[in-house]
Amino acid sequence: MKRILIAIFILALAALACGQSGPATPFPTPQNSVFDSGRTAYGFFPSPPEVSLDSVFKLYKDLGGHADFVLIQQNDPWEDFVNSVDGESKTRTDLTNQVALARQNKLEY
């Protein structure tokens, strides 16, 4: 019986320790947007579920309307450049094209 009371006491103490001390912060709404506050806002933009030429163009157009900066991060194709830096690489071509799309949509990269 004593162990049960101690366990209940520990659970109650943990529940009190984890409780909020004040009201919850409201989620941003269109009327209360973090982007209107003058502060820097960071976020992720959804990528298209299926990659196609049209979906990539639309993605960069949408990014240009909502973002100032885009982080382009791809794995380095080290295998393509074992013999020299002049090797052909689809990844390198894709990266070059993404930089061009970022420039066209007035995004820093």
Protein backbone atom coordinates (compact mmCIF):
# COMPACT_ATOMS: atom_id res chain seq x y z
CA MET A 1 0.00 0.00 0.00
CA LYS A 2 2.84 2.31 0.88
CA ARG A 3 4.48 1.75 -2.55
CA ILE A 4 1.23 2.57 -4.36
CA LEU A 5 0.91 5.87 -2.47
CA ILE A 6 4.52 6.75 -3.25
CA ALA A 7 3.98 5.95 -6.95
CA ILE A 8 0.81 8.10 -7.06
CA PHE A 9 2.63 10.92 -5.29
CA ILE A 10 5.53 10.77 -7.79
CA LEU A 11 3.10 10.78 -10.75
CA ALA A 12 1.21 13.76 -9.30
CA LEU A 13 4.47 15.62 -8.69
CA ALA A 14 5.64 14.92 -12.26
CA ALA A 15 2.29 16.11 -13.65
CA LEU A 16 2.58 19.36 -11.71
CA ALA A 17 6.18 19.86 -12.81
CA CYS A 18 5.31 19.39 -16.49
CA GLY A 19 2.23 21.63 -16.45
CA GLN A 20 2.17 25.05 -18.07
CA SER A 21 2.52 28.06 -15.83
CA GLY A 22 0.60 30.39 -18.14
CA PRO A 23 -1.70 30.41 -21.14
CA ALA A 24 -0.53 28.67 -24.29
CA THR A 25 0.98 30.81 -27.05
CA PRO A 26 -1.53 31.13 -29.90
CA PHE A 27 -0.64 29.74 -33.30
CA PRO A 28 0.07 32.42 -35.92
CA THR A 29 -2.97 33.26 -37.99
CA PRO A 30 -3.24 35.41 -41.11
CA GLN A 31 -4.16 38.29 -38.78
CA ASN A 32 -1.23 37.51 -36.45
CA SER A 33 1.60 36.53 -38.80
CA VAL A 34 5.22 36.22 -37.74
CA PHE A 35 6.17 37.69 -41.12
CA ASP A 36 4.50 41.00 -40.20
CA SER A 37 6.43 41.29 -36.93
CA GLY A 38 9.69 42.50 -38.50
CA ARG A 39 11.55 39.47 -37.13
CA THR A 40 13.42 36.92 -39.18
CA ALA A 41 11.28 33.85 -39.84
CA TYR A 42 12.64 30.47 -40.84
CA GLY A 43 10.69 27.64 -42.37
CA PHE A 44 10.50 24.81 -44.80
CA PHE A 45 8.63 24.91 -48.08
CA PRO A 46 6.86 21.77 -49.26
CA SER A 47 8.50 20.03 -52.16
CA PRO A 48 6.31 18.54 -54.86
CA PRO A 49 5.45 14.88 -54.21
CA GLU A 50 6.32 13.96 -57.77
CA VAL A 51 9.22 15.68 -59.47
CA SER A 52 8.54 16.87 -62.98
CA LEU A 53 9.76 19.82 -64.99
CA ASP A 54 6.49 21.70 -64.42
CA SER A 55 6.45 20.97 -60.68
CA VAL A 56 10.02 22.26 -60.27
CA PHE A 57 9.23 25.47 -62.18
CA LYS A 58 6.10 25.97 -60.04
CA LEU A 59 8.05 25.29 -56.84
CA TYR A 60 10.62 27.98 -57.62
CA LYS A 61 7.91 30.42 -58.71
CA ASP A 62 6.06 29.85 -55.41
CA LEU A 63 9.30 30.16 -53.46
CA GLY A 64 9.99 33.47 -55.19
CA GLY A 65 6.66 34.77 -53.90
CA HIS A 66 7.21 33.70 -50.29
CA ALA A 67 10.95 33.53 -49.62
CA ASP A 68 14.09 35.60 -49.86
CA PHE A 69 16.56 32.73 -49.70
CA VAL A 70 16.71 29.10 -50.78
CA LEU A 71 19.11 26.47 -49.46
CA ILE A 72 20.03 24.02 -52.21
CA GLN A 73 21.58 20.96 -50.63
CA GLN A 74 22.51 17.86 -52.58
CA ASN A 75 24.97 15.07 -52.07
CA ASP A 76 28.30 15.65 -53.75
CA PRO A 77 28.77 13.18 -56.63
CA TRP A 78 32.37 12.34 -55.71
CA GLU A 79 32.34 9.20 -57.86
CA ASP A 80 31.80 11.31 -60.98
CA PHE A 81 35.03 13.21 -60.40
CA VAL A 82 37.50 10.50 -59.44
CA ASN A 83 39.68 11.07 -62.49
CA SER A 84 39.20 14.83 -62.93
CA VAL A 85 36.83 17.70 -62.17
CA ASP A 86 35.75 17.76 -65.81
CA GLY A 87 33.55 14.68 -65.43
CA GLU A 88 29.90 14.67 -66.44
CA SER A 89 27.44 14.64 -63.57
CA LYS A 90 23.64 14.78 -63.54
CA THR A 91 23.77 16.05 -59.95
CA ARG A 92 26.10 18.88 -60.94
CA THR A 93 23.87 19.81 -63.89
CA ASP A 94 20.78 19.74 -61.64
CA LEU A 95 22.51 21.99 -59.13
CA THR A 96 23.53 24.47 -61.84
CA ASN A 97 19.95 24.54 -63.13
CA GLN A 98 18.53 25.07 -59.62
CA VAL A 99 20.84 28.04 -59.13
CA ALA A 100 19.57 29.48 -62.44
CA LEU A 101 15.95 29.00 -61.30
CA ALA A 102 16.71 30.68 -57.98
CA ARG A 103 18.19 33.70 -59.80
CA GLN A 104 15.21 33.91 -62.18
CA ASN A 105 12.83 34.01 -59.20
CA LYS A 106 14.90 36.65 -57.34
CA LEU A 107 16.04 34.25 -54.61
CA GLU A 108 19.40 34.30 -52.91
CA TYR A 109 21.12 30.94 -52.64
